[in-house]
Amino acid sequence: MTQLFRKDFGFLFRLGVLGVFATAMVAVFLWRAVMAYPAGVNEPLEQPVPFSHKHHVTDEGIDCRYCHSSVETSAFAGMPPLSTCMTCHSQLFTDQPALAPLISAFQSDVSLRWQRVHDLPDFVYFNHSIHIAKGVGCASCHGQVDQMPLTWRVAPLTMQWCLDCHRSPEQYLRPRDQVFNLRWQAKDQRALGAQLLLTYHIDKRRLTECSVCHR
């Protein structure tokens, strides 16, 4: 009878299966590492104009809502039109090279191509307005943006990161009149958070339902 397989076929087959399993395990560990430490965190993105939140917010005292005008009423925080920038820069620093793309775009009636710093996947539904209404402060997600000469992302924006907040929102809630105060700190966050859960009618059980973020 003709032998179809080599005598060492069984050994080679098991070795191959082991190799496939090991490769799969390495791939899983690499994927988990990438998800745990995603690219872009603490890395300023190059922008057409080097906009400084530190200068505009801390030095000049401009409120977040002056530029991000729809943050309280829309799912999207809103990017200011160039006319908002030119409210000041039609008179101030008009000859600065760094502002040349802004002035040129405004005069040509074209949009600047900003790089999104906080960009969620298309399959994730996120609404700014509901977070603001429920007392989640800007700093909880964006960090001390008022101290950033260039804007970078401080949070990984992973599913686990979102779920950590949704499971224990009381750790992050604040009075609505302090949402835009980037320096505000609670004296007793645990007690205040528990109280605000009731005040804002937040049902923690629903916050981890799939349909909350995936619609």
N, C-alpha and C. Protein backbone atom coordinates (compact mmCIF):
# COMPACT_ATOMS: atom_id res chain seq x y z
N MET A 1 0.86 -1.19 0.00
CA MET A 1 0.00 0.00 0.00
C MET A 1 0.90 1.25 0.00
N THR A 2 0.54 2.21 -0.85
CA THR A 2 1.33 3.44 -0.94
C THR A 2 1.05 4.33 0.26
N GLN A 3 2.10 4.81 0.87
CA GLN A 3 1.96 5.69 2.03
C GLN A 3 1.70 7.11 1.54
N LEU A 4 0.57 7.71 1.96
CA LEU A 4 0.19 9.04 1.48
C LEU A 4 0.93 10.15 2.20
N PHE A 5 1.27 9.96 3.46
CA PHE A 5 1.91 11.02 4.24
C PHE A 5 3.26 10.54 4.74
N ARG A 6 4.12 11.48 4.95
CA ARG A 6 5.42 11.17 5.53
C ARG A 6 5.25 10.68 6.96
N LYS A 7 6.26 9.95 7.43
CA LYS A 7 6.18 9.40 8.78
C LYS A 7 6.11 10.50 9.84
N ASP A 8 6.75 11.64 9.52
CA ASP A 8 6.75 12.73 10.52
C ASP A 8 5.62 13.72 10.28
N PHE A 9 4.61 13.34 9.47
CA PHE A 9 3.51 14.26 9.17
C PHE A 9 2.76 14.69 10.43
N GLY A 10 2.49 13.75 11.31
CA GLY A 10 1.77 14.06 12.53
C GLY A 10 2.48 15.12 13.36
N PHE A 11 3.80 14.96 13.48
CA PHE A 11 4.59 15.94 14.24
C PHE A 11 4.55 17.31 13.57
N LEU A 12 4.72 17.34 12.24
CA LEU A 12 4.71 18.60 11.51
C LEU A 12 3.34 19.27 11.58
N PHE A 13 2.29 18.45 11.53
CA PHE A 13 0.94 19.00 11.60
C PHE A 13 0.70 19.66 12.95
N ARG A 14 1.09 18.96 14.03
CA ARG A 14 0.93 19.54 15.36
C ARG A 14 1.76 20.80 15.51
N LEU A 15 2.96 20.79 14.92
CA LEU A 15 3.83 21.96 15.00
C LEU A 15 3.19 23.15 14.27
N GLY A 16 2.57 22.86 13.12
CA GLY A 16 1.90 23.91 12.36
C GLY A 16 0.73 24.50 13.13
N VAL A 17 -0.07 23.61 13.76
CA VAL A 17 -1.21 24.08 14.55
C VAL A 17 -0.73 24.95 15.70
N LEU A 18 0.35 24.53 16.34
CA LEU A 18 0.92 25.30 17.44
C LEU A 18 1.40 26.67 16.96
N GLY A 19 2.00 26.69 15.75
CA GLY A 19 2.46 27.96 15.20
C GLY A 19 1.32 28.92 14.92
N VAL A 20 0.22 28.39 14.36
CA VAL A 20 -0.96 29.22 14.09
C VAL A 20 -1.54 29.76 15.39
N PHE A 21 -1.62 28.91 16.41
CA PHE A 21 -2.15 29.34 17.71
C PHE A 21 -1.27 30.42 18.32
N ALA A 22 0.05 30.23 18.24
CA ALA A 22 0.98 31.22 18.81
C ALA A 22 0.86 32.56 18.07
N THR A 23 0.73 32.50 16.74
CA THR A 23 0.57 33.73 15.96
C THR A 23 -0.71 34.46 16.34
N ALA A 24 -1.79 33.70 16.51
CA ALA A 24 -3.06 34.31 16.89
C ALA A 24 -2.96 34.97 18.26
N MET A 25 -2.28 34.31 19.20
CA MET A 25 -2.13 34.88 20.54
C MET A 25 -1.31 36.18 20.50
N VAL A 26 -0.24 36.18 19.72
CA VAL A 26 0.58 37.39 19.58
C VAL A 26 -0.25 38.52 18.99
N ALA A 27 -1.06 38.20 17.97
CA ALA A 27 -1.91 39.21 17.34
C ALA A 27 -2.89 39.80 18.35
N VAL A 28 -3.47 38.95 19.20
CA VAL A 28 -4.42 39.43 20.20
C VAL A 28 -3.74 40.35 21.20
N PHE A 29 -2.55 39.96 21.67
CA PHE A 29 -1.82 40.78 22.63
C PHE A 29 -1.42 42.12 22.01
N LEU A 30 -1.01 42.11 20.74
CA LEU A 30 -0.64 43.36 20.07
C LEU A 30 -1.86 44.25 19.92
N TRP A 31 -3.00 43.65 19.57
CA TRP A 31 -4.22 44.43 19.42
C TRP A 31 -4.63 45.07 20.74
N ARG A 32 -4.53 44.31 21.82
CA ARG A 32 -4.89 44.85 23.14
C ARG A 32 -3.94 45.97 23.54
N ALA A 33 -2.66 45.83 23.17
CA ALA A 33 -1.69 46.87 23.50
C ALA A 33 -1.99 48.15 22.74
N VAL A 34 -2.35 48.01 21.46
CA VAL A 34 -2.67 49.18 20.66
C VAL A 34 -3.92 49.86 21.18
N MET A 35 -4.93 49.06 21.58
CA MET A 35 -6.16 49.64 22.10
C MET A 35 -5.95 50.31 23.45
N ALA A 36 -5.04 49.75 24.25
CA ALA A 36 -4.78 50.33 25.58
C ALA A 36 -3.98 51.63 25.47
N TYR A 37 -3.11 51.72 24.48
CA TYR A 37 -2.27 52.89 24.31
C TYR A 37 -2.38 53.38 22.86
N PRO A 38 -3.53 53.93 22.49
CA PRO A 38 -3.75 54.32 21.11
C PRO A 38 -2.86 55.48 20.69
N ALA A 39 -2.58 55.53 19.41
CA ALA A 39 -1.76 56.61 18.89
C ALA A 39 -2.52 57.93 19.01
N GLY A 40 -1.79 59.01 19.16
CA GLY A 40 -2.39 60.33 19.20
C GLY A 40 -2.56 60.92 20.58
N VAL A 41 -2.48 60.11 21.63
CA VAL A 41 -2.62 60.64 22.99
C VAL A 41 -1.37 61.43 23.35
N ASN A 42 -1.58 62.64 23.85
CA ASN A 42 -0.49 63.55 24.26
C ASN A 42 0.42 63.93 23.09
N GLU A 43 -0.12 63.87 21.88
CA GLU A 43 0.65 64.25 20.69
C GLU A 43 -0.09 65.35 19.94
N PRO A 44 0.39 66.60 20.00
CA PRO A 44 -0.28 67.67 19.26
C PRO A 44 -0.30 67.37 17.76
N LEU A 45 -1.43 67.66 17.12
CA LEU A 45 -1.54 67.48 15.68
C LEU A 45 -1.15 68.76 14.97
N GLU A 46 -0.49 68.61 13.83
CA GLU A 46 -0.14 69.79 13.03
C GLU A 46 -1.41 70.36 12.41
N GLN A 47 -1.60 71.65 12.57
CA GLN A 47 -2.79 72.32 12.08
C GLN A 47 -2.40 73.42 11.08
N PRO A 48 -3.34 73.83 10.23
CA PRO A 48 -3.02 74.90 9.27
C PRO A 48 -2.67 76.21 9.96
N VAL A 49 -3.23 76.42 11.16
CA VAL A 49 -2.89 77.58 11.99
C VAL A 49 -2.59 77.06 13.39
N PRO A 50 -1.46 77.44 13.98
CA PRO A 50 -1.09 76.93 15.32
C PRO A 50 -1.93 77.57 16.42
N PHE A 51 -3.19 77.15 16.52
CA PHE A 51 -4.11 77.74 17.48
C PHE A 51 -3.72 77.36 18.91
N SER A 52 -3.69 78.33 19.80
CA SER A 52 -3.34 78.09 21.20
C SER A 52 -4.54 78.31 22.10
N HIS A 53 -5.04 77.23 22.69
CA HIS A 53 -6.10 77.38 23.69
C HIS A 53 -5.58 78.13 24.91
N LYS A 54 -4.33 77.91 25.25
CA LYS A 54 -3.76 78.58 26.42
C LYS A 54 -3.85 80.10 26.26
N HIS A 55 -3.48 80.58 25.09
CA HIS A 55 -3.52 82.03 24.87
C HIS A 55 -4.95 82.56 24.87
N HIS A 56 -5.84 81.88 24.14
CA HIS A 56 -7.19 82.39 23.99
C HIS A 56 -8.03 82.22 25.26
N VAL A 57 -7.86 81.09 25.97
CA VAL A 57 -8.69 80.82 27.15
C VAL A 57 -8.06 81.42 28.40
N THR A 58 -6.82 81.08 28.68
CA THR A 58 -6.18 81.53 29.92
C THR A 58 -5.76 83.00 29.86
N ASP A 59 -5.07 83.37 28.78
CA ASP A 59 -4.55 84.74 28.70
C ASP A 59 -5.65 85.76 28.38
N GLU A 60 -6.53 85.40 27.45
CA GLU A 60 -7.54 86.36 26.99
C GLU A 60 -8.91 86.15 27.64
N GLY A 61 -9.12 85.02 28.32
CA GLY A 61 -10.36 84.78 29.04
C GLY A 61 -11.57 84.51 28.17
N ILE A 62 -11.36 83.94 26.98
CA ILE A 62 -12.47 83.65 26.08
C ILE A 62 -13.15 82.36 26.51
N ASP A 63 -14.46 82.39 26.65
CA ASP A 63 -15.25 81.24 27.07
C ASP A 63 -15.30 80.20 25.94
N CYS A 64 -15.35 78.92 26.33
CA CYS A 64 -15.40 77.82 25.36
C CYS A 64 -16.51 78.02 24.34
N ARG A 65 -17.66 78.50 24.82
CA ARG A 65 -18.85 78.59 23.98
C ARG A 65 -18.79 79.70 22.94
N TYR A 66 -17.82 80.60 23.07
CA TYR A 66 -17.68 81.65 22.05
C TYR A 66 -17.29 81.04 20.71
N CYS A 67 -16.43 80.02 20.76
CA CYS A 67 -16.02 79.33 19.53
C CYS A 67 -16.82 78.07 19.28
N HIS A 68 -17.05 77.29 20.35
CA HIS A 68 -17.80 76.03 20.23
C HIS A 68 -19.26 76.32 20.60
N SER A 69 -19.94 77.01 19.71
CA SER A 69 -21.23 77.61 20.03
C SER A 69 -22.36 76.60 20.16
N SER A 70 -22.23 75.42 19.59
CA SER A 70 -23.34 74.45 19.62
C SER A 70 -23.13 73.35 20.65
N VAL A 71 -22.13 73.49 21.51
CA VAL A 71 -21.79 72.41 22.43
C VAL A 71 -22.92 72.09 23.41
N GLU A 72 -23.77 73.05 23.72
CA GLU A 72 -24.86 72.84 24.68
C GLU A 72 -26.15 72.34 24.03
N THR A 73 -26.23 72.43 22.71
CA THR A 73 -27.49 72.13 22.04
C THR A 73 -27.39 71.09 20.95
N SER A 74 -26.18 70.63 20.64
CA SER A 74 -26.00 69.74 19.50
C SER A 74 -25.10 68.57 19.86
N ALA A 75 -25.16 67.53 19.04
CA ALA A 75 -24.26 66.39 19.24
C ALA A 75 -22.82 66.78 18.97
N PHE A 76 -22.63 67.78 18.14
CA PHE A 76 -21.29 68.23 17.75
C PHE A 76 -20.97 69.54 18.45
N ALA A 77 -19.78 69.64 19.01
CA ALA A 77 -19.42 70.85 19.75
C ALA A 77 -19.36 72.07 18.85
N GLY A 78 -19.07 71.86 17.58
CA GLY A 78 -19.03 72.97 16.64
C GLY A 78 -17.64 73.56 16.48
N MET A 79 -17.27 73.82 15.25
CA MET A 79 -16.03 74.54 14.96
C MET A 79 -16.41 75.96 14.54
N PRO A 80 -15.69 76.95 15.03
CA PRO A 80 -16.07 78.33 14.70
C PRO A 80 -15.85 78.63 13.22
N PRO A 81 -16.77 79.37 12.60
CA PRO A 81 -16.51 79.83 11.24
C PRO A 81 -15.36 80.83 11.25
N LEU A 82 -14.75 81.01 10.10
CA LEU A 82 -13.61 81.92 10.03
C LEU A 82 -14.00 83.34 10.42
N SER A 83 -15.26 83.68 10.23
CA SER A 83 -15.71 85.02 10.61
C SER A 83 -15.57 85.25 12.12
N THR A 84 -15.72 84.17 12.91
CA THR A 84 -15.53 84.30 14.36
C THR A 84 -14.08 84.66 14.68
N CYS A 85 -13.16 83.97 14.03
CA CYS A 85 -11.73 84.28 14.23
C CYS A 85 -11.43 85.72 13.81
N MET A 86 -12.02 86.13 12.67
CA MET A 86 -11.71 87.44 12.13
C MET A 86 -12.37 88.57 12.90
N THR A 87 -13.26 88.23 13.84
CA THR A 87 -13.80 89.26 14.72
C THR A 87 -12.67 90.01 15.40
N CYS A 88 -11.65 89.26 15.81
CA CYS A 88 -10.47 89.87 16.43
C CYS A 88 -9.34 90.08 15.42
N HIS A 89 -9.11 89.06 14.60
CA HIS A 89 -7.90 89.06 13.78
C HIS A 89 -8.01 89.87 12.50
N SER A 90 -9.13 90.53 12.30
CA SER A 90 -9.16 91.54 11.24
C SER A 90 -8.43 92.80 11.68
N GLN A 91 -8.21 92.89 13.02
CA GLN A 91 -7.52 94.05 13.59
C GLN A 91 -6.21 93.67 14.30
N LEU A 92 -6.16 92.45 14.85
CA LEU A 92 -5.03 92.06 15.67
C LEU A 92 -4.12 91.07 14.95
N PHE A 93 -2.81 91.33 15.00
CA PHE A 93 -1.80 90.41 14.47
C PHE A 93 -2.04 90.05 13.01
N THR A 94 -2.54 90.99 12.25
CA THR A 94 -2.87 90.70 10.85
C THR A 94 -1.64 90.43 9.99
N ASP A 95 -0.47 90.88 10.44
CA ASP A 95 0.74 90.70 9.64
C ASP A 95 1.58 89.51 10.09
N GLN A 96 1.06 88.69 11.02
CA GLN A 96 1.81 87.54 11.52
C GLN A 96 1.77 86.39 10.50
N PRO A 97 2.93 85.83 10.15
CA PRO A 97 2.96 84.73 9.17
C PRO A 97 2.10 83.53 9.58
N ALA A 98 2.03 83.26 10.90
CA ALA A 98 1.26 82.10 11.37
C ALA A 98 -0.22 82.24 11.04
N LEU A 99 -0.70 83.48 10.93
CA LEU A 99 -2.12 83.72 10.65
C LEU A 99 -2.41 83.88 9.17
N ALA A 100 -1.38 83.83 8.33
CA ALA A 100 -1.58 84.03 6.90
C ALA A 100 -2.59 83.04 6.29
N PRO A 101 -2.54 81.72 6.65
CA PRO A 101 -3.54 80.80 6.09
C PRO A 101 -4.98 81.17 6.49
N LEU A 102 -5.16 81.65 7.72
CA LEU A 102 -6.49 82.05 8.18
C LEU A 102 -7.01 83.22 7.38
N ILE A 103 -6.20 84.27 7.25
CA ILE A 103 -6.63 85.48 6.55
C ILE A 103 -6.86 85.19 5.07
N SER A 104 -5.97 84.39 4.47
CA SER A 104 -6.12 84.03 3.06
C SER A 104 -7.39 83.24 2.82
N ALA A 105 -7.68 82.28 3.70
CA ALA A 105 -8.89 81.47 3.56
C ALA A 105 -10.14 82.32 3.71
N PHE A 106 -10.12 83.25 4.65
CA PHE A 106 -11.29 84.11 4.87
C PHE A 106 -11.53 85.01 3.65
N GLN A 107 -10.45 85.59 3.12
CA GLN A 107 -10.58 86.47 1.96
C GLN A 107 -11.02 85.71 0.71
N SER A 108 -10.62 84.43 0.64
CA SER A 108 -10.97 83.61 -0.53
C SER A 108 -12.28 82.87 -0.35
N ASP A 109 -12.88 82.98 0.84
CA ASP A 109 -14.14 82.30 1.16
C ASP A 109 -14.02 80.78 1.01
N VAL A 110 -12.93 80.24 1.56
CA VAL A 110 -12.74 78.78 1.59
C VAL A 110 -12.53 78.36 3.04
N SER A 111 -12.69 77.08 3.31
CA SER A 111 -12.56 76.56 4.67
C SER A 111 -11.13 76.10 4.94
N LEU A 112 -10.72 76.25 6.17
CA LEU A 112 -9.46 75.66 6.60
C LEU A 112 -9.67 74.18 6.88
N ARG A 113 -8.69 73.36 6.58
CA ARG A 113 -8.79 71.92 6.80
C ARG A 113 -8.12 71.58 8.13
N TRP A 114 -8.90 71.72 9.21
CA TRP A 114 -8.39 71.39 10.54
C TRP A 114 -8.29 69.88 10.71
N GLN A 115 -7.30 69.43 11.47
CA GLN A 115 -7.17 68.02 11.82
C GLN A 115 -7.96 67.78 13.11
N ARG A 116 -8.86 66.79 13.09
CA ARG A 116 -9.65 66.51 14.28
C ARG A 116 -8.78 65.85 15.34
N VAL A 117 -8.79 66.41 16.53
CA VAL A 117 -8.01 65.87 17.64
C VAL A 117 -8.78 64.76 18.34
N HIS A 118 -10.07 64.97 18.53
CA HIS A 118 -10.94 63.98 19.18
C HIS A 118 -11.87 63.41 18.11
N ASP A 119 -11.51 62.27 17.57
CA ASP A 119 -12.24 61.69 16.44
C ASP A 119 -12.67 60.26 16.79
N LEU A 120 -13.97 60.07 16.95
CA LEU A 120 -14.50 58.74 17.26
C LEU A 120 -14.84 57.99 15.98
N PRO A 121 -14.84 56.65 16.03
CA PRO A 121 -15.25 55.87 14.85
C PRO A 121 -16.68 56.19 14.44
N ASP A 122 -16.99 55.97 13.18
CA ASP A 122 -18.32 56.28 12.67
C ASP A 122 -19.42 55.45 13.33
N PHE A 123 -19.06 54.28 13.87
CA PHE A 123 -20.09 53.43 14.47
C PHE A 123 -20.39 53.81 15.91
N VAL A 124 -19.76 54.87 16.40
CA VAL A 124 -20.01 55.33 17.77
C VAL A 124 -20.86 56.60 17.73
N TYR A 125 -21.94 56.60 18.48
CA TYR A 125 -22.78 57.79 18.59
C TYR A 125 -22.40 58.54 19.86
N PHE A 126 -22.03 59.79 19.71
CA PHE A 126 -21.69 60.61 20.87
C PHE A 126 -22.40 61.95 20.75
N ASN A 127 -22.99 62.39 21.84
CA ASN A 127 -23.72 63.64 21.86
C ASN A 127 -23.15 64.56 22.93
N HIS A 128 -22.59 65.69 22.51
CA HIS A 128 -22.03 66.63 23.47
C HIS A 128 -23.09 67.20 24.39
N SER A 129 -24.25 67.53 23.82
CA SER A 129 -25.23 68.28 24.59
C SER A 129 -25.74 67.51 25.81
N ILE A 130 -25.91 66.20 25.67
CA ILE A 130 -26.43 65.44 26.82
C ILE A 130 -25.40 65.35 27.92
N HIS A 131 -24.13 65.28 27.57
CA HIS A 131 -23.08 65.25 28.58
C HIS A 131 -23.02 66.59 29.34
N ILE A 132 -23.15 67.67 28.59
CA ILE A 132 -23.18 68.99 29.24
C ILE A 132 -24.38 69.12 30.16
N ALA A 133 -25.55 68.67 29.67
CA ALA A 133 -26.78 68.78 30.45
C ALA A 133 -26.72 67.96 31.73
N LYS A 134 -25.95 66.87 31.71
CA LYS A 134 -25.84 65.99 32.88
C LYS A 134 -24.63 66.33 33.76
N GLY A 135 -23.99 67.45 33.50
CA GLY A 135 -22.95 67.93 34.40
C GLY A 135 -21.57 67.33 34.21
N VAL A 136 -21.26 66.89 33.00
CA VAL A 136 -19.91 66.40 32.72
C VAL A 136 -19.08 67.58 32.21
N GLY A 137 -18.01 67.91 32.91
CA GLY A 137 -17.20 69.07 32.56
C GLY A 137 -16.30 68.83 31.37
N CYS A 138 -15.95 69.91 30.69
CA CYS A 138 -15.05 69.82 29.53
C CYS A 138 -13.76 69.10 29.90
N ALA A 139 -13.22 69.41 31.07
CA ALA A 139 -11.92 68.86 31.47
C ALA A 139 -11.95 67.35 31.66
N SER A 140 -13.13 66.78 31.93
CA SER A 140 -13.21 65.34 32.14
C SER A 140 -12.77 64.56 30.91
N CYS A 141 -13.04 65.10 29.73
CA CYS A 141 -12.64 64.42 28.48
C CYS A 141 -11.47 65.10 27.80
N HIS A 142 -11.40 66.42 27.89
CA HIS A 142 -10.41 67.17 27.13
C HIS A 142 -9.19 67.57 27.95
N GLY A 143 -9.23 67.31 29.26
CA GLY A 143 -8.09 67.67 30.09
C GLY A 143 -8.00 69.18 30.27
N GLN A 144 -6.85 69.64 30.74
CA GLN A 144 -6.64 71.08 30.98
C GLN A 144 -6.29 71.76 29.66
N VAL A 145 -7.30 71.82 28.80
CA VAL A 145 -7.08 72.37 27.46
C VAL A 145 -6.68 73.85 27.53
N ASP A 146 -7.06 74.51 28.62
CA ASP A 146 -6.70 75.92 28.78
C ASP A 146 -5.21 76.12 29.00
N GLN A 147 -4.47 75.04 29.19
CA GLN A 147 -3.02 75.12 29.37
C GLN A 147 -2.26 74.57 28.15
N MET A 148 -2.97 74.31 27.06
CA MET A 148 -2.33 73.71 25.88
C MET A 148 -1.99 74.78 24.84
N PRO A 149 -0.70 75.02 24.60
CA PRO A 149 -0.32 75.95 23.54
C PRO A 149 -0.69 75.40 22.16
N LEU A 150 -0.66 74.08 22.01
CA LEU A 150 -1.23 73.37 20.87
C LEU A 150 -2.11 72.27 21.44
N THR A 151 -3.17 71.93 20.73
CA THR A 151 -4.15 71.01 21.30
C THR A 151 -3.76 69.56 21.06
N TRP A 152 -3.87 68.75 22.13
CA TRP A 152 -3.64 67.32 22.00
C TRP A 152 -4.72 66.57 22.77
N ARG A 153 -4.79 65.28 22.51
CA ARG A 153 -5.79 64.43 23.16
C ARG A 153 -5.18 63.82 24.41
N VAL A 154 -5.91 63.90 25.53
CA VAL A 154 -5.41 63.35 26.80
C VAL A 154 -6.07 62.01 27.12
N ALA A 155 -7.18 61.71 26.48
CA ALA A 155 -7.92 60.47 26.77
C ALA A 155 -7.81 59.51 25.59
N PRO A 156 -7.79 58.20 25.85
CA PRO A 156 -7.65 57.23 24.76
C PRO A 156 -8.89 57.11 23.88
N LEU A 157 -10.07 57.49 24.42
CA LEU A 157 -11.34 57.40 23.68
C LEU A 157 -11.69 55.96 23.28
N THR A 158 -11.20 55.01 24.04
CA THR A 158 -11.52 53.62 23.78
C THR A 158 -12.87 53.28 24.40
N MET A 159 -13.43 52.13 24.01
CA MET A 159 -14.70 51.69 24.57
C MET A 159 -14.58 51.49 26.08
N GLN A 160 -13.46 50.94 26.52
CA GLN A 160 -13.27 50.71 27.95
C GLN A 160 -13.24 52.02 28.71
N TRP A 161 -12.60 53.02 28.14
CA TRP A 161 -12.52 54.33 28.78
C TRP A 161 -13.91 54.93 28.95
N CYS A 162 -14.73 54.83 27.90
CA CYS A 162 -16.10 55.34 27.99
C CYS A 162 -16.92 54.56 29.02
N LEU A 163 -16.76 53.25 29.02
CA LEU A 163 -17.53 52.42 29.95
C LEU A 163 -17.14 52.69 31.40
N ASP A 164 -15.88 52.98 31.65
CA ASP A 164 -15.45 53.29 33.02
C ASP A 164 -16.25 54.47 33.57
N CYS A 165 -16.51 55.45 32.72
CA CYS A 165 -17.30 56.61 33.14
C CYS A 165 -18.78 56.26 33.24
N HIS A 166 -19.28 55.52 32.28
CA HIS A 166 -20.70 55.18 32.28
C HIS A 166 -21.09 54.28 33.45
N ARG A 167 -20.13 53.48 33.92
CA ARG A 167 -20.42 52.61 35.07
C ARG A 167 -20.37 53.38 36.39
N SER A 168 -19.58 54.44 36.43
CA SER A 168 -19.44 55.22 37.68
C SER A 168 -19.47 56.72 37.36
N PRO A 169 -20.55 57.21 36.81
CA PRO A 169 -20.60 58.63 36.42
C PRO A 169 -20.48 59.59 37.59
N GLU A 170 -20.85 59.12 38.79
CA GLU A 170 -20.79 60.01 39.95
C GLU A 170 -19.38 60.53 40.22
N GLN A 171 -18.37 59.86 39.69
CA GLN A 171 -16.99 60.30 39.89
C GLN A 171 -16.66 61.56 39.08
N TYR A 172 -17.53 61.88 38.12
CA TYR A 172 -17.20 62.97 37.19
C TYR A 172 -18.23 64.09 37.16
N LEU A 173 -19.37 63.90 37.78
CA LEU A 173 -20.44 64.90 37.69
C LEU A 173 -20.10 66.15 38.49
N ARG A 174 -20.59 67.27 37.98
CA ARG A 174 -20.39 68.55 38.65
C ARG A 174 -21.63 69.42 38.45
N PRO A 175 -21.78 70.49 39.20
CA PRO A 175 -22.92 71.40 38.96
C PRO A 175 -22.87 71.95 37.54
N ARG A 176 -24.02 72.16 36.95
CA ARG A 176 -24.07 72.61 35.56
C ARG A 176 -23.36 73.95 35.36
N ASP A 177 -23.40 74.80 36.37
CA ASP A 177 -22.77 76.11 36.22
C ASP A 177 -21.25 76.04 36.33
N GLN A 178 -20.71 74.82 36.54
CA GLN A 178 -19.26 74.65 36.61
C GLN A 178 -18.72 73.78 35.47
N VAL A 179 -19.60 73.41 34.55
CA VAL A 179 -19.18 72.52 33.45
C VAL A 179 -18.04 73.13 32.64
N PHE A 180 -18.08 74.44 32.39
CA PHE A 180 -17.08 75.09 31.56
C PHE A 180 -15.93 75.69 32.36
N ASN A 181 -15.94 75.46 33.66
CA ASN A 181 -14.86 75.93 34.53
C ASN A 181 -13.79 74.85 34.58
N LEU A 182 -12.71 75.04 33.86
CA LEU A 182 -11.67 74.02 33.74
C LEU A 182 -10.85 73.86 35.02
N ARG A 183 -11.02 74.77 35.96
CA ARG A 183 -10.26 74.72 37.21
C ARG A 183 -11.09 74.21 38.39
N TRP A 184 -12.36 73.92 38.17
CA TRP A 184 -13.23 73.56 39.28
C TRP A 184 -12.87 72.19 39.85
N GLN A 185 -12.89 72.07 41.18
CA GLN A 185 -12.66 70.81 41.88
C GLN A 185 -13.68 70.69 43.01
N ALA A 186 -14.28 69.51 43.14
CA ALA A 186 -15.25 69.29 44.21
C ALA A 186 -14.52 69.07 45.53
N LYS A 187 -15.13 69.53 46.61
CA LYS A 187 -14.57 69.28 47.94
C LYS A 187 -14.76 67.82 48.33
N ASP A 188 -15.90 67.25 47.95
CA ASP A 188 -16.19 65.85 48.22
C ASP A 188 -16.92 65.28 47.01
N GLN A 189 -16.15 64.80 46.03
CA GLN A 189 -16.75 64.34 44.78
C GLN A 189 -17.69 63.16 44.99
N ARG A 190 -17.36 62.29 45.93
CA ARG A 190 -18.19 61.11 46.16
C ARG A 190 -19.59 61.50 46.61
N ALA A 191 -19.66 62.40 47.58
CA ALA A 191 -20.97 62.83 48.09
C ALA A 191 -21.72 63.66 47.06
N LEU A 192 -21.00 64.58 46.41
CA LEU A 192 -21.63 65.43 45.41
C LEU A 192 -22.13 64.60 44.23
N GLY A 193 -21.30 63.65 43.78
CA GLY A 193 -21.69 62.83 42.64
C GLY A 193 -22.93 62.02 42.91
N ALA A 194 -23.02 61.45 44.12
CA ALA A 194 -24.20 60.67 44.49
C ALA A 194 -25.45 61.54 44.50
N GLN A 195 -25.31 62.78 44.96
CA GLN A 195 -26.44 63.70 44.98
C GLN A 195 -26.86 64.09 43.56
N LEU A 196 -25.86 64.36 42.70
CA LEU A 196 -26.16 64.80 41.33
C LEU A 196 -26.75 63.69 40.48
N LEU A 197 -26.42 62.44 40.79
CA LEU A 197 -27.07 61.32 40.09
C LEU A 197 -28.59 61.42 40.22
N LEU A 198 -29.05 61.76 41.41
CA LEU A 198 -30.49 61.89 41.65
C LEU A 198 -31.03 63.17 41.03
N THR A 199 -30.28 64.26 41.18
CA THR A 199 -30.73 65.55 40.65
C THR A 199 -30.89 65.52 39.13
N TYR A 200 -29.93 64.87 38.46
CA TYR A 200 -29.96 64.82 36.99
C TYR A 200 -30.76 63.62 36.46
N HIS A 201 -31.34 62.82 37.36
CA HIS A 201 -32.15 61.65 36.97
C HIS A 201 -31.35 60.71 36.06
N ILE A 202 -30.16 60.36 36.51
CA ILE A 202 -29.29 59.47 35.74
C ILE A 202 -29.50 58.03 36.22
N ASP A 203 -29.87 57.17 35.29
CA ASP A 203 -30.06 55.75 35.59
C ASP A 203 -28.80 55.00 35.12
N LYS A 204 -27.95 54.63 36.07
CA LYS A 204 -26.68 53.99 35.72
C LYS A 204 -26.87 52.68 34.97
N ARG A 205 -27.98 52.00 35.21
CA ARG A 205 -28.21 50.71 34.56
C ARG A 205 -28.34 50.86 33.05
N ARG A 206 -28.88 51.96 32.61
CA ARG A 206 -29.09 52.16 31.17
C ARG A 206 -27.83 52.62 30.46
N LEU A 207 -26.89 53.19 31.19
CA LEU A 207 -25.71 53.79 30.55
C LEU A 207 -24.80 52.76 29.89
N THR A 208 -24.92 51.50 30.26
CA THR A 208 -24.08 50.48 29.65
C THR A 208 -24.83 49.64 28.62
N GLU A 209 -26.04 50.06 28.27
CA GLU A 209 -26.76 49.37 27.20
C GLU A 209 -26.11 49.70 25.86
N CYS A 210 -26.02 48.72 24.98
CA CYS A 210 -25.34 48.89 23.69
C CYS A 210 -25.91 50.07 22.89
N SER A 211 -27.23 50.21 22.93
CA SER A 211 -27.90 51.22 22.09
C SER A 211 -27.58 52.65 22.51
N VAL A 212 -27.00 52.84 23.68
CA VAL A 212 -26.64 54.19 24.12
C VAL A 212 -25.59 54.80 23.20
N CYS A 213 -24.64 53.98 22.79
CA CYS A 213 -23.53 54.48 21.96
C CYS A 213 -23.53 53.91 20.54
N HIS A 214 -24.25 52.82 20.32
CA HIS A 214 -24.27 52.18 19.00
C HIS A 214 -25.70 52.12 18.50
N ARG A 215 -26.01 52.96 17.50
CA ARG A 215 -27.40 53.08 17.03
C ARG A 215 -27.50 52.80 15.54
